[in-house]
C-alpha atoms as a PDB file:
ATOM      1  CA  MET A   1      96.355-151.635-184.509  1.00  0.00           C
ATOM      2  CA  ARG A   2      96.868-155.301-183.536  1.00  0.00           C
ATOM      3  CA  LEU A   3      95.403-157.764-186.078  1.00  0.00           C
ATOM      4  CA  ILE A   4      94.841-161.222-184.561  1.00  0.00           C
ATOM      5  CA  GLY A   5      93.745-164.262-186.502  1.00  0.00           C
ATOM      6  CA  LEU A   6      91.326-166.528-184.608  1.00  0.00           C
ATOM      7  CA  THR A   7      90.764-169.997-185.881  1.00  0.00           C
ATOM      8  CA  GLY A   8      89.983-173.494-184.766  1.00  0.00           C
ATOM      9  CA  GLY A   9      88.226-176.611-186.060  1.00  0.00           C
ATOM     10  CA  ILE A  10      84.598-177.283-186.329  1.00  0.00           C
ATOM     11  CA  ALA A  11      82.866-177.526-182.833  1.00  0.00           C
ATOM     12  CA  THR A  12      86.055-176.473-181.020  1.00  0.00           C
ATOM     13  CA  GLY A  13      84.231-173.489-179.467  1.00  0.00           C
ATOM     14  CA  LYS A  14      85.740-170.640-181.499  1.00  0.00           C
ATOM     15  CA  SER A  15      82.512-168.534-181.244  1.00  0.00           C
ATOM     16  CA  GLU A  16      82.539-168.561-177.414  1.00  0.00           C
ATOM     17  CA  VAL A  17      86.230-167.492-177.482  1.00  0.00           C
ATOM     18  CA  ALA A  18      85.367-164.656-179.847  1.00  0.00           C
ATOM     19  CA  ALA A  19      82.712-163.473-177.659  1.00  0.00           C
ATOM     20  CA  MET A  20      85.119-163.440-174.712  1.00  0.00           C
ATOM     21  CA  LEU A  21      87.525-161.372-176.786  1.00  0.00           C
ATOM     22  CA  ALA A  22      84.764-158.887-177.700  1.00  0.00           C
ATOM     23  CA  GLU A  23      84.065-158.483-173.991  1.00  0.00           C
ATOM     24  CA  HIS A  24      87.649-157.450-173.479  1.00  0.00           C
ATOM     25  CA  GLY A  25      87.203-154.815-176.064  1.00  0.00           C
ATOM     26  CA  ALA A  26      88.396-156.432-179.254  1.00  0.00           C
ATOM     27  CA  THR A  27      86.679-155.581-182.557  1.00  0.00           C
ATOM     28  CA  VAL A  28      85.673-159.067-183.992  1.00  0.00           C
ATOM     29  CA  VAL A  29      85.278-159.563-187.652  1.00  0.00           C
ATOM     30  CA  ASP A  30      83.432-162.850-188.200  1.00  0.00           C
ATOM     31  CA  ALA A  31      83.944-164.479-191.553  1.00  0.00           C
ATOM     32  CA  ASP A  32      80.948-166.672-191.109  1.00  0.00           C
ATOM     33  CA  GLU A  33      78.734-163.574-190.554  1.00  0.00           C
ATOM     34  CA  LEU A  34      80.319-162.038-193.716  1.00  0.00           C
ATOM     35  CA  ALA A  35      79.557-165.400-195.491  1.00  0.00           C
ATOM     36  CA  ARG A  36      75.949-164.978-194.584  1.00  0.00           C
ATOM     37  CA  GLU A  37      75.893-161.362-195.668  1.00  0.00           C
ATOM     38  CA  VAL A  38      77.228-162.200-199.227  1.00  0.00           C
ATOM     39  CA  VAL A  39      74.571-164.736-199.844  1.00  0.00           C
ATOM     40  CA  ARG A  40      71.567-162.676-198.808  1.00  0.00           C
ATOM     41  CA  PRO A  41      68.663-162.401-201.278  1.00  0.00           C
ATOM     42  CA  GLY A  42      69.557-160.063-204.091  1.00  0.00           C
ATOM     43  CA  GLU A  43      73.274-160.549-203.813  1.00  0.00           C
ATOM     44  CA  PRO A  44      75.123-161.790-206.862  1.00  0.00           C
ATOM     45  CA  ALA A  45      76.689-164.691-204.940  1.00  0.00           C
ATOM     46  CA  LEU A  46      73.266-166.118-204.185  1.00  0.00           C
ATOM     47  CA  ALA A  47      72.316-166.067-207.803  1.00  0.00           C
ATOM     48  CA  ASP A  48      75.687-167.733-208.713  1.00  0.00           C
ATOM     49  CA  ILE A  49      75.122-170.550-206.101  1.00  0.00           C
ATOM     50  CA  ALA A  50      71.665-171.230-207.390  1.00  0.00           C
ATOM     51  CA  SER A  51      72.951-171.391-210.902  1.00  0.00           C
ATOM     52  CA  ARG A  52      75.650-173.822-209.911  1.00  0.00           C
ATOM     53  CA  PHE A  53      73.887-176.071-207.458  1.00  0.00           C
ATOM     54  CA  GLY A  54      70.175-175.653-208.600  1.00  0.00           C
ATOM     55  CA  ALA A  55      67.135-174.085-207.184  1.00  0.00           C
ATOM     56  CA  GLY A  56      66.914-176.857-204.583  1.00  0.00           C
ATOM     57  CA  VAL A  57      69.498-174.922-202.340  1.00  0.00           C
ATOM     58  CA  LEU A  58      66.950-172.128-201.988  1.00  0.00           C
ATOM     59  CA  THR A  59      64.146-172.057-199.476  1.00  0.00           C
ATOM     60  CA  PRO A  60      60.586-171.051-200.695  1.00  0.00           C
ATOM     61  CA  ASP A  61      61.187-167.585-199.669  1.00  0.00           C
ATOM     62  CA  GLY A  62      64.256-167.331-201.750  1.00  0.00           C
ATOM     63  CA  THR A  63      66.831-167.434-199.043  1.00  0.00           C
ATOM     64  CA  LEU A  64      69.815-169.948-198.946  1.00  0.00           C
ATOM     65  CA  ASP A  65      69.056-173.339-197.602  1.00  0.00           C
ATOM     66  CA  ARG A  66      72.442-173.642-195.724  1.00  0.00           C
ATOM     67  CA  GLU A  67      71.529-177.109-194.501  1.00  0.00           C
ATOM     68  CA  ARG A  68      70.828-178.496-197.935  1.00  0.00           C
ATOM     69  CA  LEU A  69      73.969-176.778-199.429  1.00  0.00           C
ATOM     70  CA  GLY A  70      76.073-178.152-196.684  1.00  0.00           C
ATOM     71  CA  GLU A  71      74.893-181.703-197.456  1.00  0.00           C
ATOM     72  CA  ILE A  72      76.090-181.308-201.045  1.00  0.00           C
ATOM     73  CA  VAL A  73      79.410-179.543-200.526  1.00  0.00           C
ATOM     74  CA  PHE A  74      80.653-181.626-197.589  1.00  0.00           C
ATOM     75  CA  ALA A  75      79.968-184.776-199.573  1.00  0.00           C
ATOM     76  CA  ASP A  76      81.772-183.520-202.664  1.00  0.00           C
ATOM     77  CA  ALA A  77      85.241-181.738-202.661  1.00  0.00           C
ATOM     78  CA  SER A  78      84.672-180.483-206.146  1.00  0.00           C
ATOM     79  CA  ALA A  79      81.385-178.896-205.202  1.00  0.00           C
ATOM     80  CA  ARG A  80      82.974-177.370-202.110  1.00  0.00           C
ATOM     81  CA  ARG A  81      85.704-175.783-204.202  1.00  0.00           C
ATOM     82  CA  ASP A  82      83.061-174.405-206.612  1.00  0.00           C
ATOM     83  CA  LEU A  83      81.308-172.748-203.600  1.00  0.00           C
ATOM     84  CA  GLU A  84      84.526-171.323-202.392  1.00  0.00           C
ATOM     85  CA  GLY A  85      85.229-169.964-205.823  1.00  0.00           C
ATOM     86  CA  ILE A  86      81.869-168.058-205.545  1.00  0.00           C
ATOM     87  CA  THR A  87      82.077-166.771-202.166  1.00  0.00           C
ATOM     88  CA  HIS A  88      85.657-166.420-200.902  1.00  0.00           C
ATOM     89  CA  ALA A  89      86.674-163.362-202.917  1.00  0.00           C
ATOM     90  CA  ARG A  90      83.551-161.551-201.939  1.00  0.00           C
ATOM     91  CA  ILE A  91      83.974-162.451-198.342  1.00  0.00           C
ATOM     92  CA  ALA A  92      87.605-161.330-198.460  1.00  0.00           C
ATOM     93  CA  ALA A  93      86.590-157.883-199.967  1.00  0.00           C
ATOM     94  CA  LEU A  94      83.955-157.406-197.270  1.00  0.00           C
ATOM     95  CA  MET A  95      86.459-158.336-194.496  1.00  0.00           C
ATOM     96  CA  GLN A  96      89.033-155.729-195.825  1.00  0.00           C
ATOM     97  CA  GLN A  97      86.277-153.230-195.622  1.00  0.00           C
ATOM     98  CA  ARG A  98      85.597-154.088-192.118  1.00  0.00           C
ATOM     99  CA  ILE A  99      89.267-153.844-191.208  1.00  0.00           C
ATOM    100  CA  ALA A 100      89.568-150.457-192.889  1.00  0.00           C
ATOM    101  CA  ASP A 101      86.573-149.289-190.887  1.00  0.00           C
ATOM    102  CA  ALA A 102      88.118-150.448-187.632  1.00  0.00           C
ATOM    103  CA  ALA A 103      91.443-148.738-188.624  1.00  0.00           C
ATOM    104  CA  ALA A 104      89.484-145.547-189.210  1.00  0.00           C
ATOM    105  CA  ARG A 105      87.978-145.696-185.665  1.00  0.00           C
ATOM    106  CA  GLU A 106      91.441-146.443-184.421  1.00  0.00           C
ATOM    107  CA  ALA A 107      90.528-149.633-182.893  1.00  0.00           C
ATOM    108  CA  PRO A 108      93.462-151.076-180.921  1.00  0.00           C
ATOM    109  CA  VAL A 109      92.699-154.831-181.458  1.00  0.00           C
ATOM    110  CA  VAL A 110      90.915-156.438-184.442  1.00  0.00           C
ATOM    111  CA  VAL A 111      90.242-160.144-184.331  1.00  0.00           C
ATOM    112  CA  LEU A 112      89.638-161.866-187.672  1.00  0.00           C
ATOM    113  CA  ASP A 113      87.467-164.918-186.759  1.00  0.00           C
ATOM    114  CA  ILE A 114      88.302-167.147-189.874  1.00  0.00           C
ATOM    115  CA  PRO A 115      87.578-170.828-189.641  1.00  0.00           C
ATOM    116  CA  LEU A 116      89.797-171.707-192.700  1.00  0.00           C
ATOM    117  CA  LEU A 117      92.595-169.232-191.866  1.00  0.00           C
ATOM    118  CA  LEU A 118      95.245-171.952-192.006  1.00  0.00           C
ATOM    119  CA  GLU A 119      93.742-173.962-194.804  1.00  0.00           C
ATOM    120  CA  ARG A 120      93.970-170.787-196.920  1.00  0.00           C
ATOM    121  CA  ASP A 121      97.508-170.011-195.622  1.00  0.00           C
ATOM    122  CA  LEU A 122      96.469-166.633-194.226  1.00  0.00           C
ATOM    123  CA  GLU A 123      98.670-166.701-191.120  1.00  0.00           C
ATOM    124  CA  ASN A 124     101.183-164.200-192.680  1.00  0.00           C
ATOM    125  CA  THR A 125      98.444-161.640-193.068  1.00  0.00           C
ATOM    126  CA  VAL A 126      97.996-161.184-189.279  1.00  0.00           C
ATOM    127  CA  ASP A 127     100.193-160.493-186.356  1.00  0.00           C
ATOM    128  CA  GLY A 128      99.522-163.917-184.735  1.00  0.00           C
ATOM    129  CA  VAL A 129      97.320-166.848-184.916  1.00  0.00           C
ATOM    130  CA  LEU A 130      95.104-167.759-181.757  1.00  0.00           C
ATOM    131  CA  LEU A 131      93.930-171.392-182.161  1.00  0.00           C
ATOM    132  CA  VAL A 132      90.891-172.765-180.167  1.00  0.00           C
ATOM    133  CA  HIS A 133      91.690-176.334-179.652  1.00  0.00           C
ATOM    134  CA  ALA A 134      89.751-179.393-178.666  1.00  0.00           C
ATOM    135  CA  PRO A 135      90.739-183.046-179.526  1.00  0.00           C
ATOM    136  CA  ALA A 136      89.261-184.563-182.761  1.00  0.00           C
ATOM    137  CA  GLY A 137      87.174-187.066-180.645  1.00  0.00           C
ATOM    138  CA  VAL A 138      85.639-184.134-178.761  1.00  0.00           C
ATOM    139  CA  GLN A 139      84.934-182.215-182.039  1.00  0.00           C
ATOM    140  CA  LEU A 140      83.263-185.268-183.510  1.00  0.00           C
ATOM    141  CA  ALA A 141      80.908-185.756-180.540  1.00  0.00           C
ATOM    142  CA  ARG A 142      80.065-182.091-180.359  1.00  0.00           C
ATOM    143  CA  VAL A 143      79.280-181.517-183.971  1.00  0.00           C
ATOM    144  CA  ALA A 144      77.177-184.731-184.229  1.00  0.00           C
ATOM    145  CA  SER A 145      75.201-183.594-181.204  1.00  0.00           C
ATOM    146  CA  ARG A 146      74.983-179.853-182.143  1.00  0.00           C
ATOM    147  CA  ASP A 147      73.899-180.396-185.798  1.00  0.00           C
ATOM    148  CA  HIS A 148      71.994-183.679-185.366  1.00  0.00           C
ATOM    149  CA  LEU A 149      74.266-185.473-187.744  1.00  0.00           C
ATOM    150  CA  THR A 150      75.140-189.139-188.207  1.00  0.00           C
ATOM    151  CA  ASP A 151      78.698-190.092-187.510  1.00  0.00           C
ATOM    152  CA  ASP A 152      79.556-190.353-191.145  1.00  0.00           C
ATOM    153  CA  ALA A 153      78.148-186.799-191.834  1.00  0.00           C
ATOM    154  CA  ALA A 154      80.086-185.446-188.829  1.00  0.00           C
ATOM    155  CA  ARG A 155      83.303-186.999-190.045  1.00  0.00           C
ATOM    156  CA  GLN A 156      82.729-185.560-193.516  1.00  0.00           C
ATOM    157  CA  ARG A 157      82.736-182.042-191.930  1.00  0.00           C
ATOM    158  CA  LEU A 158      85.811-182.678-189.871  1.00  0.00           C
ATOM    159  CA  ALA A 159      87.620-183.976-193.097  1.00  0.00           C
ATOM    160  CA  ALA A 160      86.806-180.760-194.880  1.00  0.00           C
ATOM    161  CA  GLN A 161      89.333-178.970-192.533  1.00  0.00           C
ATOM    162  CA  LEU A 162      92.910-179.577-191.636  1.00  0.00           C
ATOM    163  CA  PRO A 163      93.299-181.971-188.634  1.00  0.00           C
ATOM    164  CA  ILE A 164      93.128-179.865-185.481  1.00  0.00           C
ATOM    165  CA  ASP A 165      96.485-181.156-184.337  1.00  0.00           C
ATOM    166  CA  GLU A 166      98.135-179.961-187.559  1.00  0.00           C
ATOM    167  CA  LYS A 167      96.699-176.537-186.946  1.00  0.00           C
ATOM    168  CA  ARG A 168      98.129-176.702-183.434  1.00  0.00           C
ATOM    169  CA  THR A 169     101.683-176.832-184.997  1.00  0.00           C
ATOM    170  CA  ARG A 170     101.056-173.584-186.899  1.00  0.00           C
ATOM    171  CA  ALA A 171      99.391-171.604-184.180  1.00  0.00           C
ATOM    172  CA  THR A 172     101.134-168.649-182.302  1.00  0.00           C
ATOM    173  CA  TRP A 173      98.920-169.134-179.246  1.00  0.00           C
ATOM    174  CA  ILE A 174      96.547-171.970-178.163  1.00  0.00           C
ATOM    175  CA  ILE A 175      93.339-171.879-176.066  1.00  0.00           C
ATOM    176  CA  ASP A 176      92.385-175.397-174.877  1.00  0.00           C
ATOM    177  CA  ASN A 177      88.599-175.593-175.020  1.00  0.00           C
ATOM    178  CA  SER A 178      88.139-179.330-174.245  1.00  0.00           C
ATOM    179  CA  SER A 179      86.796-178.635-170.728  1.00  0.00           C
ATOM    180  CA  ASP A 180      84.270-176.142-169.324  1.00  0.00           C
ATOM    181  CA  LEU A 181      83.863-172.498-170.284  1.00  0.00           C
ATOM    182  CA  ASP A 182      85.216-171.269-166.939  1.00  0.00           C
ATOM    183  CA  SER A 183      88.552-172.957-167.828  1.00  0.00           C
ATOM    184  CA  THR A 184      88.389-171.322-171.267  1.00  0.00           C
ATOM    185  CA  ARG A 185      87.629-167.931-169.972  1.00  0.00           C
ATOM    186  CA  ARG A 186      90.618-168.051-167.539  1.00  0.00           C
ATOM    187  CA  GLN A 187      92.850-168.896-170.461  1.00  0.00           C
ATOM    188  CA  VAL A 188      91.421-166.086-172.606  1.00  0.00           C
ATOM    189  CA  ASP A 189      91.811-163.613-169.817  1.00  0.00           C
ATOM    190  CA  ALA A 190      95.419-164.719-169.274  1.00  0.00           C
ATOM    191  CA  TRP A 191      96.145-164.404-173.007  1.00  0.00           C
ATOM    192  CA  TRP A 192      94.630-160.926-173.046  1.00  0.00           C
ATOM    193  CA  ARG A 193      96.733-159.767-170.238  1.00  0.00           C
ATOM    194  CA  GLU A 194     100.048-161.181-171.579  1.00  0.00           C
ATOM    195  CA  VAL A 195      99.678-160.526-175.288  1.00  0.00           C
ATOM    196  CA  ILE A 196      97.468-157.428-175.588  1.00  0.00           C
ATOM    197  CA  GLU A 197      97.916-155.477-172.322  1.00  0.00           C
ATOM    198  CA  VAL A 198     101.612-156.266-171.693  1.00  0.00           C
ATOM    199  CA  ARG A 199     103.404-156.741-174.978  1.00  0.00           C
ATOM    200  CA  PRO A 200     103.598-153.792-177.310  1.00  0.00           C
ATOM    201  CA  PRO A 201     102.744-154.169-181.026  1.00  0.00           C
ATOM    202  CA  GLY A 202     105.499-155.903-183.063  1.00  0.00           C
ATOM    203  CA  ARG A 203     106.642-158.190-180.228  1.00  0.00           C
END
């Protein structure tokens, strides 16, 4: 089973690339989706978050107010580390279960979609790192528009991750998503042919 790490920076378009890889037949394990699972009502992580950050990070129906929590942790590195301490081990355990499930099904390719893969030095846990790249200026404009943020708030979110060009130096393969999706799709198709269809595991 090929285990590919997929990462990028905020607003580089990683989700679009993940969807394209799924269309090719990859089993995609999305760390963001797992992060949502571990903070559902009734899960221990949600109670721990409310204890650390206060009831103000919960909506009236008891679910996590992700926008409010984001405002807190992206403005305070210590708060962000506390949140990671609550969630990361639980997300990792759930991810290992998903990988085991895929192996049991004999899935040929599993893509681990992990935004902080390089920040957490996880590149040695996968067979290679596929980076979705867009220049920092493009990231900034996209995240400000997408999330309706001020420039300062958008810059805070970028600053919480490694600079995209530093990630580029550590990637095995790069998909340039600074243009249109047709260009991105052509690159993904070419990557799949070269890396998955042609090269055997271990090369």
